Amino acid sequence: MKVDILAIGAHPDDVELGCGATIAKEIAHGKTVGIIDLTRGELGTRGTAETRDKESNRSAEILGVSFRENMEFADGFFTNDKTHQLALIEKIRQYRPDIVLCNAVEDRHIDHGKGSKLISDACFLSGLAKIETKHENAAQEAWRPKQVYHYIQWKNLKPDFVVDVSDFMDIKMKAVLAFETQFYNPDSTDPETPISSKNFTDSIRYRARDLGRLVGVEYAEGYTVERYVAVDRLGNLK
């Protein structure tokens, strides 16, 4: 199965928080999108790997993605090595995305930066024909995504471009809040974390609104790039 866009996150909920509205918008415009989570988030303070699995599936339904898979890498301890690269290369060659969306290049959680580099390296290596991989016992052909874009997470990194997601923030919020064990719940007895406060939940909207304000729209999601972004004509810039 080929998809237009493959969104990858180190943890379940990374994709929703970083690019959930963009995904919803692209799907609404007829693009096919899949999600791959590198870990099950088993080291998270709140909830369990099992609750994250259920929440991930519910969120995927809300977004309307074509599939969601989990690599089951070790939360907190996966590395950017040959074993993990090859496992991810197999998935990239299986789904042959034109665009990959992935973790921020630098962030508070160490898995975000690690995941960002692992995904980026796997995307490049996936295009090398002499690297041999198989899927369901069949040899895979080399495939390199045309673009790798990094969504912005905890840190307010300066984006290289933003996407107008004004009509899709409600879907994003529903998808994020499907991870009900992770985010603000005044009735929860779980320990508090940096993302379980009401301030954090509120920040999802106001950060997107601030990016939107800067480009003259209601809401926007920002991305950093690995190479220059090109446009066909000046008039294509919003």
C-alpha atoms as a PDB file:
ATOM      1  CA  MET A   1       0.000   0.000   0.000  1.00  0.00           C
ATOM      2  CA  LYS A   2       1.335   3.398  -0.972  1.00  0.00           C
ATOM      3  CA  VAL A   3       0.442   6.514   1.037  1.00  0.00           C
ATOM      4  CA  ASP A   4       0.962  10.162   0.241  1.00  0.00           C
ATOM      5  CA  ILE A   5       2.075  11.077   3.760  1.00  0.00           C
ATOM      6  CA  LEU A   6       3.583   9.017   6.566  1.00  0.00           C
ATOM      7  CA  ALA A   7       3.529  10.688   9.994  1.00  0.00           C
ATOM      8  CA  ILE A   8       5.947   9.187  12.511  1.00  0.00           C
ATOM      9  CA  GLY A   9       6.305   9.915  16.215  1.00  0.00           C
ATOM     10  CA  ALA A  10       8.498   8.605  18.995  1.00  0.00           C
ATOM     11  CA  HIS A  11       5.451   8.206  21.234  1.00  0.00           C
ATOM     12  CA  PRO A  12       1.718   7.806  20.745  1.00  0.00           C
ATOM     13  CA  ASP A  13       0.286  11.371  20.833  1.00  0.00           C
ATOM     14  CA  ASP A  14       3.422  12.997  19.323  1.00  0.00           C
ATOM     15  CA  VAL A  15       1.850  13.036  15.870  1.00  0.00           C
ATOM     16  CA  GLU A  16      -1.476  14.390  17.127  1.00  0.00           C
ATOM     17  CA  LEU A  17       0.185  17.188  19.090  1.00  0.00           C
ATOM     18  CA  GLY A  18       2.667  18.081  16.369  1.00  0.00           C
ATOM     19  CA  CYS A  19       0.740  17.761  13.127  1.00  0.00           C
ATOM     20  CA  GLY A  20      -2.751  16.463  13.858  1.00  0.00           C
ATOM     21  CA  ALA A  21      -4.537  19.347  12.156  1.00  0.00           C
ATOM     22  CA  THR A  22      -2.305  19.141   9.093  1.00  0.00           C
ATOM     23  CA  ILE A  23      -3.094  15.439   8.771  1.00  0.00           C
ATOM     24  CA  ALA A  24      -6.830  16.094   9.071  1.00  0.00           C
ATOM     25  CA  LYS A  25      -6.603  18.788   6.398  1.00  0.00           C
ATOM     26  CA  GLU A  26      -4.632  16.620   3.970  1.00  0.00           C
ATOM     27  CA  ILE A  27      -7.089  13.740   4.394  1.00  0.00           C
ATOM     28  CA  ALA A  28      -9.989  16.127   3.763  1.00  0.00           C
ATOM     29  CA  HIS A  29      -8.272  17.076   0.497  1.00  0.00           C
ATOM     30  CA  GLY A  30      -8.016  13.456  -0.624  1.00  0.00           C
ATOM     31  CA  LYS A  31      -4.519  12.529   0.516  1.00  0.00           C
ATOM     32  CA  THR A  32      -3.784   9.157   2.091  1.00  0.00           C
ATOM     33  CA  VAL A  33      -2.031   9.288   5.446  1.00  0.00           C
ATOM     34  CA  GLY A  34      -0.630   6.642   7.774  1.00  0.00           C
ATOM     35  CA  ILE A  35       0.853   6.890  11.268  1.00  0.00           C
ATOM     36  CA  ILE A  36       3.735   4.943  12.771  1.00  0.00           C
ATOM     37  CA  ASP A  37       4.578   5.232  16.474  1.00  0.00           C
ATOM     38  CA  LEU A  38       8.101   4.148  17.382  1.00  0.00           C
ATOM     39  CA  THR A  39       7.262   3.165  20.985  1.00  0.00           C
ATOM     40  CA  ARG A  40       4.179   2.392  23.048  1.00  0.00           C
ATOM     41  CA  GLY A  41       5.030   5.165  25.516  1.00  0.00           C
ATOM     42  CA  GLU A  42       5.431   2.572  28.245  1.00  0.00           C
ATOM     43  CA  LEU A  43       7.590   4.832  30.433  1.00  0.00           C
ATOM     44  CA  GLY A  44       4.918   7.516  30.620  1.00  0.00           C
ATOM     45  CA  THR A  45       4.006   8.535  34.188  1.00  0.00           C
ATOM     46  CA  ARG A  46       0.271   8.366  33.546  1.00  0.00           C
ATOM     47  CA  GLY A  47      -1.584   5.438  32.025  1.00  0.00           C
ATOM     48  CA  THR A  48      -0.057   2.245  30.686  1.00  0.00           C
ATOM     49  CA  ALA A  49       1.116   0.875  27.367  1.00  0.00           C
ATOM     50  CA  GLU A  50      -2.238  -0.877  27.084  1.00  0.00           C
ATOM     51  CA  THR A  51      -4.262   2.290  27.641  1.00  0.00           C
ATOM     52  CA  ARG A  52      -2.022   4.094  25.143  1.00  0.00           C
ATOM     53  CA  ASP A  53      -2.775   1.386  22.581  1.00  0.00           C
ATOM     54  CA  LYS A  54      -6.516   1.932  22.976  1.00  0.00           C
ATOM     55  CA  GLU A  55      -6.170   5.706  22.918  1.00  0.00           C
ATOM     56  CA  SER A  56      -3.978   5.547  19.818  1.00  0.00           C
ATOM     57  CA  ASN A  57      -6.570   3.524  17.944  1.00  0.00           C
ATOM     58  CA  ARG A  58      -9.355   5.902  18.949  1.00  0.00           C
ATOM     59  CA  SER A  59      -7.326   8.924  17.874  1.00  0.00           C
ATOM     60  CA  ALA A  60      -6.522   7.306  14.525  1.00  0.00           C
ATOM     61  CA  GLU A  61     -10.257   6.823  13.925  1.00  0.00           C
ATOM     62  CA  ILE A  62     -10.916  10.484  14.690  1.00  0.00           C
ATOM     63  CA  LEU A  63      -8.230  11.631  12.247  1.00  0.00           C
ATOM     64  CA  GLY A  64      -9.337   9.140   9.577  1.00  0.00           C
ATOM     65  CA  VAL A  65      -5.883   7.796   8.759  1.00  0.00           C
ATOM     66  CA  SER A  66      -5.481   4.728   6.560  1.00  0.00           C
ATOM     67  CA  PHE A  67      -3.518   2.801   9.183  1.00  0.00           C
ATOM     68  CA  ARG A  68      -1.606   3.142  12.430  1.00  0.00           C
ATOM     69  CA  GLU A  69       1.242   0.848  13.456  1.00  0.00           C
ATOM     70  CA  ASN A  70       3.618   0.633  16.389  1.00  0.00           C
ATOM     71  CA  MET A  71       7.263  -0.385  16.024  1.00  0.00           C
ATOM     72  CA  GLU A  72       7.451  -1.341  19.727  1.00  0.00           C
ATOM     73  CA  PHE A  73      10.906   0.155  20.136  1.00  0.00           C
ATOM     74  CA  ALA A  74      11.974   0.631  23.776  1.00  0.00           C
ATOM     75  CA  ASP A  75      10.585   3.868  25.152  1.00  0.00           C
ATOM     76  CA  GLY A  76      13.463   6.037  26.349  1.00  0.00           C
ATOM     77  CA  PHE A  77      16.119   3.574  25.235  1.00  0.00           C
ATOM     78  CA  PHE A  78      15.824   3.073  21.483  1.00  0.00           C
ATOM     79  CA  THR A  79      18.880   4.149  19.530  1.00  0.00           C
ATOM     80  CA  ASN A  80      19.709   5.322  16.034  1.00  0.00           C
ATOM     81  CA  ASP A  81      21.547   2.171  15.005  1.00  0.00           C
ATOM     82  CA  LYS A  82      21.475  -0.337  12.161  1.00  0.00           C
ATOM     83  CA  THR A  83      18.821  -2.550  13.741  1.00  0.00           C
ATOM     84  CA  HIS A  84      16.347   0.271  14.272  1.00  0.00           C
ATOM     85  CA  GLN A  85      17.151   1.885  10.919  1.00  0.00           C
ATOM     86  CA  LEU A  86      16.518  -1.332   9.004  1.00  0.00           C
ATOM     87  CA  ALA A  87      13.210  -1.898  10.796  1.00  0.00           C
ATOM     88  CA  LEU A  88      12.069   1.582   9.818  1.00  0.00           C
ATOM     89  CA  ILE A  89      13.440   1.285   6.269  1.00  0.00           C
ATOM     90  CA  GLU A  90      11.220  -1.765   5.764  1.00  0.00           C
ATOM     91  CA  LYS A  91       8.172   0.324   6.711  1.00  0.00           C
ATOM     92  CA  ILE A  92       9.182   3.245   4.505  1.00  0.00           C
ATOM     93  CA  ARG A  93       9.620   0.904   1.543  1.00  0.00           C
ATOM     94  CA  GLN A  94       6.345  -0.829   2.325  1.00  0.00           C
ATOM     95  CA  TYR A  95       4.296   2.379   2.335  1.00  0.00           C
ATOM     96  CA  ARG A  96       6.413   4.503  -0.067  1.00  0.00           C
ATOM     97  CA  PRO A  97       5.350   7.926   1.225  1.00  0.00           C
ATOM     98  CA  ASP A  98       6.086  11.061  -0.761  1.00  0.00           C
ATOM     99  CA  ILE A  99       6.224  13.095   2.442  1.00  0.00           C
ATOM    100  CA  VAL A 100       7.323  12.077   5.932  1.00  0.00           C
ATOM    101  CA  LEU A 101       6.338  14.143   8.970  1.00  0.00           C
ATOM    102  CA  CYS A 102       8.385  13.432  12.076  1.00  0.00           C
ATOM    103  CA  ASN A 103       9.590  14.589  15.479  1.00  0.00           C
ATOM    104  CA  ALA A 104      11.184  17.933  16.248  1.00  0.00           C
ATOM    105  CA  VAL A 105      14.935  18.068  15.651  1.00  0.00           C
ATOM    106  CA  GLU A 106      15.429  19.323  19.222  1.00  0.00           C
ATOM    107  CA  ASP A 107      13.093  19.063  22.173  1.00  0.00           C
ATOM    108  CA  ARG A 108      12.641  18.583  25.905  1.00  0.00           C
ATOM    109  CA  HIS A 109      12.115  14.799  25.688  1.00  0.00           C
ATOM    110  CA  ILE A 110      15.254  12.963  24.579  1.00  0.00           C
ATOM    111  CA  ASP A 111      13.243  10.538  22.438  1.00  0.00           C
ATOM    112  CA  HIS A 112      12.039  13.382  20.231  1.00  0.00           C
ATOM    113  CA  GLY A 113      15.488  14.407  19.041  1.00  0.00           C
ATOM    114  CA  LYS A 114      16.595  10.765  18.790  1.00  0.00           C
ATOM    115  CA  GLY A 115      13.482   9.844  16.890  1.00  0.00           C
ATOM    116  CA  SER A 116      13.909  12.805  14.558  1.00  0.00           C
ATOM    117  CA  LYS A 117      17.425  11.737  13.565  1.00  0.00           C
ATOM    118  CA  LEU A 118      16.540   8.041  13.323  1.00  0.00           C
ATOM    119  CA  ILE A 119      13.610   8.755  11.012  1.00  0.00           C
ATOM    120  CA  SER A 120      15.581  11.190   8.889  1.00  0.00           C
ATOM    121  CA  ASP A 121      18.489   8.759   8.507  1.00  0.00           C
ATOM    122  CA  ALA A 122      16.157   5.869   7.687  1.00  0.00           C
ATOM    123  CA  CYS A 123      14.457   7.959   4.998  1.00  0.00           C
ATOM    124  CA  PHE A 124      17.810   8.600   3.331  1.00  0.00           C
ATOM    125  CA  LEU A 125      19.086   5.043   3.661  1.00  0.00           C
ATOM    126  CA  SER A 126      15.796   3.684   2.324  1.00  0.00           C
ATOM    127  CA  GLY A 127      16.760   5.125  -1.057  1.00  0.00           C
ATOM    128  CA  LEU A 128      19.967   3.087  -1.323  1.00  0.00           C
ATOM    129  CA  ALA A 129      19.393   0.062  -3.553  1.00  0.00           C
ATOM    130  CA  LYS A 130      22.252  -1.949  -2.041  1.00  0.00           C
ATOM    131  CA  ILE A 131      20.503  -2.044   1.331  1.00  0.00           C
ATOM    132  CA  GLU A 132      18.406  -5.186   1.138  1.00  0.00           C
ATOM    133  CA  THR A 133      15.141  -5.556   3.048  1.00  0.00           C
ATOM    134  CA  LYS A 134      12.162  -7.876   2.792  1.00  0.00           C
ATOM    135  CA  HIS A 135       8.477  -7.598   3.544  1.00  0.00           C
ATOM    136  CA  GLU A 136       6.447 -10.802   3.774  1.00  0.00           C
ATOM    137  CA  ASN A 137       9.443 -12.682   2.342  1.00  0.00           C
ATOM    138  CA  ALA A 138       9.532 -10.534  -0.802  1.00  0.00           C
ATOM    139  CA  ALA A 139      12.467  -8.291  -1.618  1.00  0.00           C
ATOM    140  CA  GLN A 140      11.657  -4.598  -1.380  1.00  0.00           C
ATOM    141  CA  GLU A 141      12.629  -1.892  -3.829  1.00  0.00           C
ATOM    142  CA  ALA A 142      14.506   1.182  -2.682  1.00  0.00           C
ATOM    143  CA  TRP A 143      12.330   4.183  -1.893  1.00  0.00           C
ATOM    144  CA  ARG A 144      13.237   7.657  -0.649  1.00  0.00           C
ATOM    145  CA  PRO A 145      10.547  10.159   0.376  1.00  0.00           C
ATOM    146  CA  LYS A 146      10.669  13.427  -1.525  1.00  0.00           C
ATOM    147  CA  GLN A 147      10.376  15.513   1.635  1.00  0.00           C
ATOM    148  CA  VAL A 148      11.011  15.093   5.357  1.00  0.00           C
ATOM    149  CA  TYR A 149       9.390  17.771   7.509  1.00  0.00           C
ATOM    150  CA  HIS A 150       9.818  18.065  11.277  1.00  0.00           C
ATOM    151  CA  TYR A 151       6.848  19.237  13.315  1.00  0.00           C
ATOM    152  CA  ILE A 152       7.343  21.454  16.365  1.00  0.00           C
ATOM    153  CA  GLN A 153       6.715  20.073  19.842  1.00  0.00           C
ATOM    154  CA  TRP A 154       7.509  21.344  23.356  1.00  0.00           C
ATOM    155  CA  LYS A 155      10.120  23.924  22.407  1.00  0.00           C
ATOM    156  CA  ASN A 156       9.079  26.961  20.409  1.00  0.00           C
ATOM    157  CA  LEU A 157      11.424  26.368  17.508  1.00  0.00           C
ATOM    158  CA  LYS A 158      11.251  28.840  14.656  1.00  0.00           C
ATOM    159  CA  PRO A 159       9.363  27.182  11.791  1.00  0.00           C
ATOM    160  CA  ASP A 160      10.615  27.282   8.212  1.00  0.00           C
ATOM    161  CA  PHE A 161       7.020  27.216   6.994  1.00  0.00           C
ATOM    162  CA  VAL A 162       3.544  26.944   8.472  1.00  0.00           C
ATOM    163  CA  VAL A 163       0.333  25.281   7.327  1.00  0.00           C
ATOM    164  CA  ASP A 164      -3.010  27.049   7.642  1.00  0.00           C
ATOM    165  CA  VAL A 165      -5.116  24.627   9.692  1.00  0.00           C
ATOM    166  CA  SER A 166      -7.868  27.041  10.704  1.00  0.00           C
ATOM    167  CA  ASP A 167     -10.709  24.668   9.802  1.00  0.00           C
ATOM    168  CA  PHE A 168      -9.157  21.592  11.422  1.00  0.00           C
ATOM    169  CA  MET A 169      -8.220  22.532  14.987  1.00  0.00           C
ATOM    170  CA  ASP A 170     -11.365  20.958  16.426  1.00  0.00           C
ATOM    171  CA  ILE A 171     -10.450  17.598  14.878  1.00  0.00           C
ATOM    172  CA  LYS A 172      -6.900  17.956  16.172  1.00  0.00           C
ATOM    173  CA  MET A 173      -8.151  18.644  19.704  1.00  0.00           C
ATOM    174  CA  LYS A 174     -10.498  15.640  19.632  1.00  0.00           C
ATOM    175  CA  ALA A 175      -7.623  13.436  18.450  1.00  0.00           C
ATOM    176  CA  VAL A 176      -5.280  14.772  21.133  1.00  0.00           C
ATOM    177  CA  LEU A 177      -7.827  14.419  23.922  1.00  0.00           C
ATOM    178  CA  ALA A 178      -8.496  10.827  22.899  1.00  0.00           C
ATOM    179  CA  PHE A 179      -5.336  10.232  24.967  1.00  0.00           C
ATOM    180  CA  GLU A 180      -7.438  10.874  28.044  1.00  0.00           C
ATOM    181  CA  THR A 181      -4.955   9.388  30.532  1.00  0.00           C
ATOM    182  CA  GLN A 182      -2.242  11.824  29.444  1.00  0.00           C
ATOM    183  CA  PHE A 183      -3.877  15.224  29.552  1.00  0.00           C
ATOM    184  CA  TYR A 184      -5.774  17.471  31.933  1.00  0.00           C
ATOM    185  CA  ASN A 185      -8.506  15.797  33.939  1.00  0.00           C
ATOM    186  CA  PRO A 186      -9.492  17.491  37.216  1.00  0.00           C
ATOM    187  CA  ASP A 187     -10.833  14.173  38.511  1.00  0.00           C
ATOM    188  CA  SER A 188      -7.664  12.192  37.829  1.00  0.00           C
ATOM    189  CA  THR A 189      -5.690  10.792  40.756  1.00  0.00           C
ATOM    190  CA  ASP A 190      -2.589  10.142  38.639  1.00  0.00           C
ATOM    191  CA  PRO A 191       0.601  12.125  39.314  1.00  0.00           C
ATOM    192  CA  GLU A 192       0.875  15.459  37.559  1.00  0.00           C
ATOM    193  CA  THR A 193       3.221  15.780  34.587  1.00  0.00           C
ATOM    194  CA  PRO A 194       4.315  18.683  32.361  1.00  0.00           C
ATOM    195  CA  ILE A 195       1.584  17.783  29.856  1.00  0.00           C
ATOM    196  CA  SER A 196      -1.252  16.991  32.270  1.00  0.00           C
ATOM    197  CA  SER A 197      -1.940  20.588  33.306  1.00  0.00           C
ATOM    198  CA  LYS A 198      -4.805  22.705  31.988  1.00  0.00           C
ATOM    199  CA  ASN A 199      -2.185  25.218  30.884  1.00  0.00           C
ATOM    200  CA  PHE A 200      -0.650  22.645  28.542  1.00  0.00           C
ATOM    201  CA  THR A 201      -4.002  21.669  27.045  1.00  0.00           C
ATOM    202  CA  ASP A 202      -4.837  25.342  26.547  1.00  0.00           C
ATOM    203  CA  SER A 203      -1.416  25.906  24.960  1.00  0.00           C
ATOM    204  CA  ILE A 204      -2.229  23.560  22.081  1.00  0.00           C
ATOM    205  CA  ARG A 205      -4.734  26.074  20.792  1.00  0.00           C
ATOM    206  CA  TYR A 206      -3.004  29.309  21.720  1.00  0.00           C
ATOM    207  CA  ARG A 207       0.320  28.279  20.205  1.00  0.00           C
ATOM    208  CA  ALA A 208      -1.418  27.373  16.949  1.00  0.00           C
ATOM    209  CA  ARG A 209      -3.379  30.606  17.127  1.00  0.00           C
ATOM    210  CA  ASP A 210      -0.199  32.631  17.596  1.00  0.00           C
ATOM    211  CA  LEU A 211       1.427  31.007  14.552  1.00  0.00           C
ATOM    212  CA  GLY A 212      -1.765  31.732  12.646  1.00  0.00           C
ATOM    213  CA  ARG A 213      -1.729  35.356  13.795  1.00  0.00           C
ATOM    214  CA  LEU A 214       1.761  35.806  12.389  1.00  0.00           C
ATOM    215  CA  VAL A 215       0.641  34.740   8.897  1.00  0.00           C
ATOM    216  CA  GLY A 216      -2.835  36.217   8.911  1.00  0.00           C
ATOM    217  CA  VAL A 217      -4.939  33.124   9.548  1.00  0.00           C
ATOM    218  CA  GLU A 218      -6.768  31.743  12.580  1.00  0.00           C
ATOM    219  CA  TYR A 219      -4.585  28.698  13.328  1.00  0.00           C
ATOM    220  CA  ALA A 220      -1.375  27.240  11.901  1.00  0.00           C
ATOM    221  CA  GLU A 221       1.056  24.369  12.515  1.00  0.00           C
ATOM    222  CA  GLY A 222       4.768  24.913  11.945  1.00  0.00           C
ATOM    223  CA  TYR A 223       7.533  22.767  10.489  1.00  0.00           C
ATOM    224  CA  THR A 224      11.283  22.847  10.041  1.00  0.00           C
ATOM    225  CA  VAL A 225      12.897  21.468   6.897  1.00  0.00           C
ATOM    226  CA  GLU A 226      16.060  19.652   5.872  1.00  0.00           C
ATOM    227  CA  ARG A 227      16.414  21.488   2.579  1.00  0.00           C
ATOM    228  CA  TYR A 228      15.019  24.635   1.032  1.00  0.00           C
ATOM    229  CA  VAL A 229      11.302  24.793   0.348  1.00  0.00           C
ATOM    230  CA  ALA A 230      10.632  25.712  -3.285  1.00  0.00           C
ATOM    231  CA  VAL A 231       7.494  27.190  -4.828  1.00  0.00           C
ATOM    232  CA  ASP A 232       6.565  27.224  -8.493  1.00  0.00           C
ATOM    233  CA  ARG A 233       5.560  30.915  -8.525  1.00  0.00           C
ATOM    234  CA  LEU A 234       5.554  33.789  -6.057  1.00  0.00           C
ATOM    235  CA  GLY A 235       1.771  33.829  -6.208  1.00  0.00           C
ATOM    236  CA  ASN A 236       1.681  30.370  -4.624  1.00  0.00           C
ATOM    237  CA  LEU A 237       2.798  31.874  -1.302  1.00  0.00           C
ATOM    238  CA  LYS A 238      -0.167  32.608   0.945  1.00  0.00           C
END
